[in-house]
Amino acid sequence: MRAEQVKHLPIVLARLSNDEQRLIDALFFHGLGVREYAREIGVPPMKIVRDRDRILAKLKKYFSNF
């Protein structure tokens, strides 16, 4: 990640919903796996995969503005 993008990370993450923030936090900052996180919140792992991919696409779009 470029230094400029890192600087804007908190701003971009703040644009996500609370559920989206929790998912990104769990998977990328706390190192939980998809299955583990899905089990933790009681949903199928494929829902987490779909949500993760949708959120990452959203983040990519936000970062393209910087």
PDB file of N, CA and C in Angstrom:
ATOM      1  N   MET A   1       0.842  -1.166   0.000  1.00  0.00           N
ATOM      2  CA  MET A   1       0.000   0.000   0.000  1.00  0.00           C
ATOM      3  C   MET A   1       0.892   1.235   0.000  1.00  0.00           C
ATOM      4  N   ARG A   2       0.556   2.168  -0.813  1.00  0.00           N
ATOM      5  CA  ARG A   2       1.344   3.391  -0.880  1.00  0.00           C
ATOM      6  C   ARG A   2       1.128   4.231   0.373  1.00  0.00           C
ATOM      7  N   ALA A   3       2.138   5.036   0.708  1.00  0.00           N
ATOM      8  CA  ALA A   3       2.078   5.875   1.904  1.00  0.00           C
ATOM      9  C   ALA A   3       0.864   6.794   1.870  1.00  0.00           C
ATOM     10  N   GLU A   4       0.544   7.307   0.711  1.00  0.00           N
ATOM     11  CA  GLU A   4      -0.622   8.196   0.580  1.00  0.00           C
ATOM     12  C   GLU A   4      -1.914   7.451   0.904  1.00  0.00           C
ATOM     13  N   GLN A   5      -2.013   6.207   0.456  1.00  0.00           N
ATOM     14  CA  GLN A   5      -3.204   5.408   0.737  1.00  0.00           C
ATOM     15  C   GLN A   5      -3.289   5.066   2.216  1.00  0.00           C
ATOM     16  N   VAL A   6      -2.164   4.754   2.829  1.00  0.00           N
ATOM     17  CA  VAL A   6      -2.150   4.430   4.258  1.00  0.00           C
ATOM     18  C   VAL A   6      -2.658   5.617   5.067  1.00  0.00           C
ATOM     19  N   LYS A   7      -2.268   6.796   4.653  1.00  0.00           N
ATOM     20  CA  LYS A   7      -2.694   8.008   5.344  1.00  0.00           C
ATOM     21  C   LYS A   7      -4.213   8.160   5.306  1.00  0.00           C
ATOM     22  N   HIS A   8      -4.838   7.726   4.215  1.00  0.00           N
ATOM     23  CA  HIS A   8      -6.280   7.864   4.052  1.00  0.00           C
ATOM     24  C   HIS A   8      -7.069   6.644   4.529  1.00  0.00           C
ATOM     25  N   LEU A   9      -6.407   5.616   4.975  1.00  0.00           N
ATOM     26  CA  LEU A   9      -7.087   4.389   5.387  1.00  0.00           C
ATOM     27  C   LEU A   9      -8.175   4.629   6.433  1.00  0.00           C
ATOM     28  N   PRO A  10      -7.906   5.355   7.519  1.00  0.00           N
ATOM     29  CA  PRO A  10      -8.982   5.579   8.509  1.00  0.00           C
ATOM     30  C   PRO A  10     -10.199   6.301   7.923  1.00  0.00           C
ATOM     31  N   ILE A  11      -9.956   7.230   7.008  1.00  0.00           N
ATOM     32  CA  ILE A  11     -11.050   7.965   6.376  1.00  0.00           C
ATOM     33  C   ILE A  11     -11.896   7.025   5.519  1.00  0.00           C
ATOM     34  N   VAL A  12     -11.221   6.194   4.755  1.00  0.00           N
ATOM     35  CA  VAL A  12     -11.919   5.266   3.864  1.00  0.00           C
ATOM     36  C   VAL A  12     -12.671   4.212   4.666  1.00  0.00           C
ATOM     37  N   LEU A  13     -12.042   3.671   5.695  1.00  0.00           N
ATOM     38  CA  LEU A  13     -12.715   2.662   6.519  1.00  0.00           C
ATOM     39  C   LEU A  13     -13.931   3.243   7.226  1.00  0.00           C
ATOM     40  N   ALA A  14     -13.888   4.519   7.570  1.00  0.00           N
ATOM     41  CA  ALA A  14     -15.017   5.160   8.237  1.00  0.00           C
ATOM     42  C   ALA A  14     -16.249   5.242   7.333  1.00  0.00           C
ATOM     43  N   ARG A  15     -16.049   5.139   6.031  1.00  0.00           N
ATOM     44  CA  ARG A  15     -17.170   5.174   5.090  1.00  0.00           C
ATOM     45  C   ARG A  15     -17.940   3.853   5.064  1.00  0.00           C
ATOM     46  N   LEU A  16     -17.358   2.804   5.624  1.00  0.00           N
ATOM     47  CA  LEU A  16     -18.016   1.501   5.653  1.00  0.00           C
ATOM     48  C   LEU A  16     -19.023   1.449   6.798  1.00  0.00           C
ATOM     49  N   SER A  17     -20.006   0.569   6.657  1.00  0.00           N
ATOM     50  CA  SER A  17     -20.961   0.353   7.752  1.00  0.00           C
ATOM     51  C   SER A  17     -20.242  -0.348   8.901  1.00  0.00           C
ATOM     52  N   ASN A  18     -20.875  -0.374  10.055  1.00  0.00           N
ATOM     53  CA  ASN A  18     -20.277  -1.037  11.217  1.00  0.00           C
ATOM     54  C   ASN A  18     -20.012  -2.517  10.943  1.00  0.00           C
ATOM     55  N   ASP A  19     -20.955  -3.198  10.289  1.00  0.00           N
ATOM     56  CA  ASP A  19     -20.771  -4.613   9.963  1.00  0.00           C
ATOM     57  C   ASP A  19     -19.602  -4.807   8.999  1.00  0.00           C
ATOM     58  N   GLU A  20     -19.494  -3.928   8.022  1.00  0.00           N
ATOM     59  CA  GLU A  20     -18.395  -4.013   7.064  1.00  0.00           C
ATOM     60  C   GLU A  20     -17.059  -3.762   7.765  1.00  0.00           C
ATOM     61  N   GLN A  21     -17.032  -2.794   8.658  1.00  0.00           N
ATOM     62  CA  GLN A  21     -15.810  -2.504   9.402  1.00  0.00           C
ATOM     63  C   GLN A  21     -15.389  -3.690  10.257  1.00  0.00           C
ATOM     64  N   ARG A  22     -16.364  -4.324  10.918  1.00  0.00           N
ATOM     65  CA  ARG A  22     -16.050  -5.498  11.750  1.00  0.00           C
ATOM     66  C   ARG A  22     -15.476  -6.634  10.911  1.00  0.00           C
ATOM     67  N   LEU A  23     -16.053  -6.871   9.728  1.00  0.00           N
ATOM     68  CA  LEU A  23     -15.558  -7.936   8.864  1.00  0.00           C
ATOM     69  C   LEU A  23     -14.116  -7.655   8.434  1.00  0.00           C
ATOM     70  N   ILE A  24     -13.843  -6.459   7.963  1.00  0.00           N
ATOM     71  CA  ILE A  24     -12.484  -6.098   7.527  1.00  0.00           C
ATOM     72  C   ILE A  24     -11.514  -6.181   8.703  1.00  0.00           C
ATOM     73  N   ASP A  25     -11.932  -5.695   9.843  1.00  0.00           N
ATOM     74  CA  ASP A  25     -11.087  -5.743  11.034  1.00  0.00           C
ATOM     75  C   ASP A  25     -10.744  -7.189  11.406  1.00  0.00           C
ATOM     76  N   ALA A  26     -11.750  -8.045  11.409  1.00  0.00           N
ATOM     77  CA  ALA A  26     -11.537  -9.446  11.782  1.00  0.00           C
ATOM     78  C   ALA A  26     -10.617 -10.165  10.802  1.00  0.00           C
ATOM     79  N   LEU A  27     -10.868  -9.993   9.515  1.00  0.00           N
ATOM     80  CA  LEU A  27     -10.105 -10.736   8.510  1.00  0.00           C
ATOM     81  C   LEU A  27      -8.706 -10.190   8.273  1.00  0.00           C
ATOM     82  N   PHE A  28      -8.562  -8.873   8.261  1.00  0.00           N
ATOM     83  CA  PHE A  28      -7.286  -8.296   7.855  1.00  0.00           C
ATOM     84  C   PHE A  28      -6.439  -7.746   8.988  1.00  0.00           C
ATOM     85  N   PHE A  29      -7.052  -7.378  10.104  1.00  0.00           N
ATOM     86  CA  PHE A  29      -6.270  -6.812  11.192  1.00  0.00           C
ATOM     87  C   PHE A  29      -6.120  -7.763  12.370  1.00  0.00           C
ATOM     88  N   HIS A  30      -7.060  -8.733  12.492  1.00  0.00           N
ATOM     89  CA  HIS A  30      -6.952  -9.720  13.565  1.00  0.00           C
ATOM     90  C   HIS A  30      -6.616 -11.113  13.050  1.00  0.00           C
ATOM     91  N   GLY A  31      -6.533 -11.266  11.739  1.00  0.00           N
ATOM     92  CA  GLY A  31      -6.080 -12.514  11.148  1.00  0.00           C
ATOM     93  C   GLY A  31      -7.031 -13.698  11.231  1.00  0.00           C
ATOM     94  N   LEU A  32      -8.317 -13.435  11.461  1.00  0.00           N
ATOM     95  CA  LEU A  32      -9.270 -14.543  11.474  1.00  0.00           C
ATOM     96  C   LEU A  32      -9.496 -15.048  10.058  1.00  0.00           C
ATOM     97  N   GLY A  33      -9.761 -16.324   9.940  1.00  0.00           N
ATOM     98  CA  GLY A  33     -10.103 -16.893   8.646  1.00  0.00           C
ATOM     99  C   GLY A  33     -11.579 -16.701   8.358  1.00  0.00           C
ATOM    100  N   VAL A  34     -11.949 -16.886   7.110  1.00  0.00           N
ATOM    101  CA  VAL A  34     -13.343 -16.717   6.699  1.00  0.00           C
ATOM    102  C   VAL A  34     -14.244 -17.669   7.477  1.00  0.00           C
ATOM    103  N   ARG A  35     -13.866 -18.929   7.548  1.00  0.00           N
ATOM    104  CA  ARG A  35     -14.699 -19.913   8.259  1.00  0.00           C
ATOM    105  C   ARG A  35     -14.825 -19.575   9.736  1.00  0.00           C
ATOM    106  N   GLU A  36     -13.718 -19.176  10.333  1.00  0.00           N
ATOM    107  CA  GLU A  36     -13.733 -18.845  11.756  1.00  0.00           C
ATOM    108  C   GLU A  36     -14.646 -17.646  12.030  1.00  0.00           C
ATOM    109  N   TYR A  37     -14.542 -16.614  11.218  1.00  0.00           N
ATOM    110  CA  TYR A  37     -15.383 -15.434  11.407  1.00  0.00           C
ATOM    111  C   TYR A  37     -16.849 -15.769  11.150  1.00  0.00           C
ATOM    112  N   ALA A  38     -17.109 -16.563  10.115  1.00  0.00           N
ATOM    113  CA  ALA A  38     -18.486 -16.967   9.807  1.00  0.00           C
ATOM    114  C   ALA A  38     -19.087 -17.733  10.981  1.00  0.00           C
ATOM    115  N   ARG A  39     -18.325 -18.626  11.550  1.00  0.00           N
ATOM    116  CA  ARG A  39     -18.788 -19.400  12.700  1.00  0.00           C
ATOM    117  C   ARG A  39     -19.074 -18.464  13.883  1.00  0.00           C
ATOM    118  N   GLU A  40     -18.200 -17.502  14.074  1.00  0.00           N
ATOM    119  CA  GLU A  40     -18.326 -16.556  15.178  1.00  0.00           C
ATOM    120  C   GLU A  40     -19.624 -15.756  15.105  1.00  0.00           C
ATOM    121  N   ILE A  41     -20.005 -15.342  13.896  1.00  0.00           N
ATOM    122  CA  ILE A  41     -21.218 -14.523  13.781  1.00  0.00           C
ATOM    123  C   ILE A  41     -22.437 -15.317  13.318  1.00  0.00           C
ATOM    124  N   GLY A  42     -22.251 -16.614  13.052  1.00  0.00           N
ATOM    125  CA  GLY A  42     -23.376 -17.495  12.753  1.00  0.00           C
ATOM    126  C   GLY A  42     -23.943 -17.388  11.349  1.00  0.00           C
ATOM    127  N   VAL A  43     -23.065 -17.235  10.361  1.00  0.00           N
ATOM    128  CA  VAL A  43     -23.508 -17.187   8.964  1.00  0.00           C
ATOM    129  C   VAL A  43     -22.679 -18.165   8.146  1.00  0.00           C
ATOM    130  N   PRO A  44     -23.153 -18.539   6.955  1.00  0.00           N
ATOM    131  CA  PRO A  44     -22.358 -19.432   6.097  1.00  0.00           C
ATOM    132  C   PRO A  44     -21.075 -18.731   5.617  1.00  0.00           C
ATOM    133  N   PRO A  45     -19.995 -19.487   5.486  1.00  0.00           N
ATOM    134  CA  PRO A  45     -18.736 -18.894   5.017  1.00  0.00           C
ATOM    135  C   PRO A  45     -18.849 -18.200   3.662  1.00  0.00           C
ATOM    136  N   MET A  46     -19.687 -18.698   2.775  1.00  0.00           N
ATOM    137  CA  MET A  46     -19.821 -18.065   1.462  1.00  0.00           C
ATOM    138  C   MET A  46     -20.375 -16.645   1.568  1.00  0.00           C
ATOM    139  N   LYS A  47     -21.206 -16.391   2.577  1.00  0.00           N
ATOM    140  CA  LYS A  47     -21.704 -15.025   2.776  1.00  0.00           C
ATOM    141  C   LYS A  47     -20.541 -14.104   3.123  1.00  0.00           C
ATOM    142  N   ILE A  48     -19.636 -14.579   3.940  1.00  0.00           N
ATOM    143  CA  ILE A  48     -18.466 -13.775   4.317  1.00  0.00           C
ATOM    144  C   ILE A  48     -17.599 -13.518   3.087  1.00  0.00           C
ATOM    145  N   VAL A  49     -17.411 -14.533   2.259  1.00  0.00           N
ATOM    146  CA  VAL A  49     -16.608 -14.378   1.040  1.00  0.00           C
ATOM    147  C   VAL A  49     -17.243 -13.336   0.124  1.00  0.00           C
ATOM    148  N   ARG A  50     -18.559 -13.435  -0.084  1.00  0.00           N
ATOM    149  CA  ARG A  50     -19.251 -12.463  -0.947  1.00  0.00           C
ATOM    150  C   ARG A  50     -19.165 -11.054  -0.365  1.00  0.00           C
ATOM    151  N   ASP A  51     -19.408 -10.945   0.935  1.00  0.00           N
ATOM    152  CA  ASP A  51     -19.335  -9.631   1.591  1.00  0.00           C
ATOM    153  C   ASP A  51     -17.927  -9.056   1.509  1.00  0.00           C
ATOM    154  N   ARG A  52     -16.928  -9.894   1.776  1.00  0.00           N
ATOM    155  CA  ARG A  52     -15.532  -9.446   1.716  1.00  0.00           C
ATOM    156  C   ARG A  52     -15.196  -8.913   0.325  1.00  0.00           C
ATOM    157  N   ASP A  53     -15.585  -9.663  -0.696  1.00  0.00           N
ATOM    158  CA  ASP A  53     -15.282  -9.250  -2.069  1.00  0.00           C
ATOM    159  C   ASP A  53     -15.993  -7.947  -2.428  1.00  0.00           C
ATOM    160  N   ARG A  54     -17.235  -7.802  -1.991  1.00  0.00           N
ATOM    161  CA  ARG A  54     -17.992  -6.582  -2.255  1.00  0.00           C
ATOM    162  C   ARG A  54     -17.348  -5.389  -1.531  1.00  0.00           C
ATOM    163  N   ILE A  55     -16.939  -5.588  -0.293  1.00  0.00           N
ATOM    164  CA  ILE A  55     -16.301  -4.519   0.484  1.00  0.00           C
ATOM    165  C   ILE A  55     -14.960  -4.137  -0.133  1.00  0.00           C
ATOM    166  N   LEU A  56     -14.185  -5.116  -0.541  1.00  0.00           N
ATOM    167  CA  LEU A  56     -12.885  -4.809  -1.156  1.00  0.00           C
ATOM    168  C   LEU A  56     -13.059  -4.029  -2.456  1.00  0.00           C
ATOM    169  N   ALA A  57     -14.098  -4.352  -3.224  1.00  0.00           N
ATOM    170  CA  ALA A  57     -14.373  -3.591  -4.449  1.00  0.00           C
ATOM    171  C   ALA A  57     -14.744  -2.150  -4.098  1.00  0.00           C
ATOM    172  N   LYS A  58     -15.515  -1.997  -3.036  1.00  0.00           N
ATOM    173  CA  LYS A  58     -15.898  -0.661  -2.579  1.00  0.00           C
ATOM    174  C   LYS A  58     -14.662   0.117  -2.131  1.00  0.00           C
ATOM    175  N   LEU A  59     -13.784  -0.524  -1.383  1.00  0.00           N
ATOM    176  CA  LEU A  59     -12.557   0.139  -0.922  1.00  0.00           C
ATOM    177  C   LEU A  59     -11.662   0.525  -2.100  1.00  0.00           C
ATOM    178  N   LYS A  60     -11.582  -0.355  -3.078  1.00  0.00           N
ATOM    179  CA  LYS A  60     -10.781  -0.058  -4.273  1.00  0.00           C
ATOM    180  C   LYS A  60     -11.311   1.194  -4.967  1.00  0.00           C
ATOM    181  N   LYS A  61     -12.627   1.307  -5.045  1.00  0.00           N
ATOM    182  CA  LYS A  61     -13.251   2.475  -5.666  1.00  0.00           C
ATOM    183  C   LYS A  61     -12.929   3.734  -4.852  1.00  0.00           C
ATOM    184  N   TYR A  62     -13.042   3.651  -3.533  1.00  0.00           N
ATOM    185  CA  TYR A  62     -12.718   4.797  -2.681  1.00  0.00           C
ATOM    186  C   TYR A  62     -11.264   5.210  -2.853  1.00  0.00           C
ATOM    187  N   PHE A  63     -10.362   4.236  -2.867  1.00  0.00           N
ATOM    188  CA  PHE A  63      -8.927   4.549  -2.970  1.00  0.00           C
ATOM    189  C   PHE A  63      -8.561   5.098  -4.347  1.00  0.00           C
ATOM    190  N   SER A  64      -9.328   4.805  -5.349  1.00  0.00           N
ATOM    191  CA  SER A  64      -9.017   5.327  -6.679  1.00  0.00           C
ATOM    192  C   SER A  64      -9.153   6.855  -6.722  1.00  0.00           C
ATOM    193  N   ASN A  65      -9.838   7.411  -5.723  1.00  0.00           N
ATOM    194  CA  ASN A  65      -9.998   8.871  -5.647  1.00  0.00           C
ATOM    195  C   ASN A  65      -8.780   9.568  -5.043  1.00  0.00           C
ATOM    196  N   PHE A  66      -7.832   8.805  -4.509  1.00  0.00           N
ATOM    197  CA  PHE A  66      -6.660   9.420  -3.861  1.00  0.00           C
ATOM    198  C   PHE A  66      -5.434   9.283  -4.737  1.00  0.00           C
TER     199      PHE A  66
END
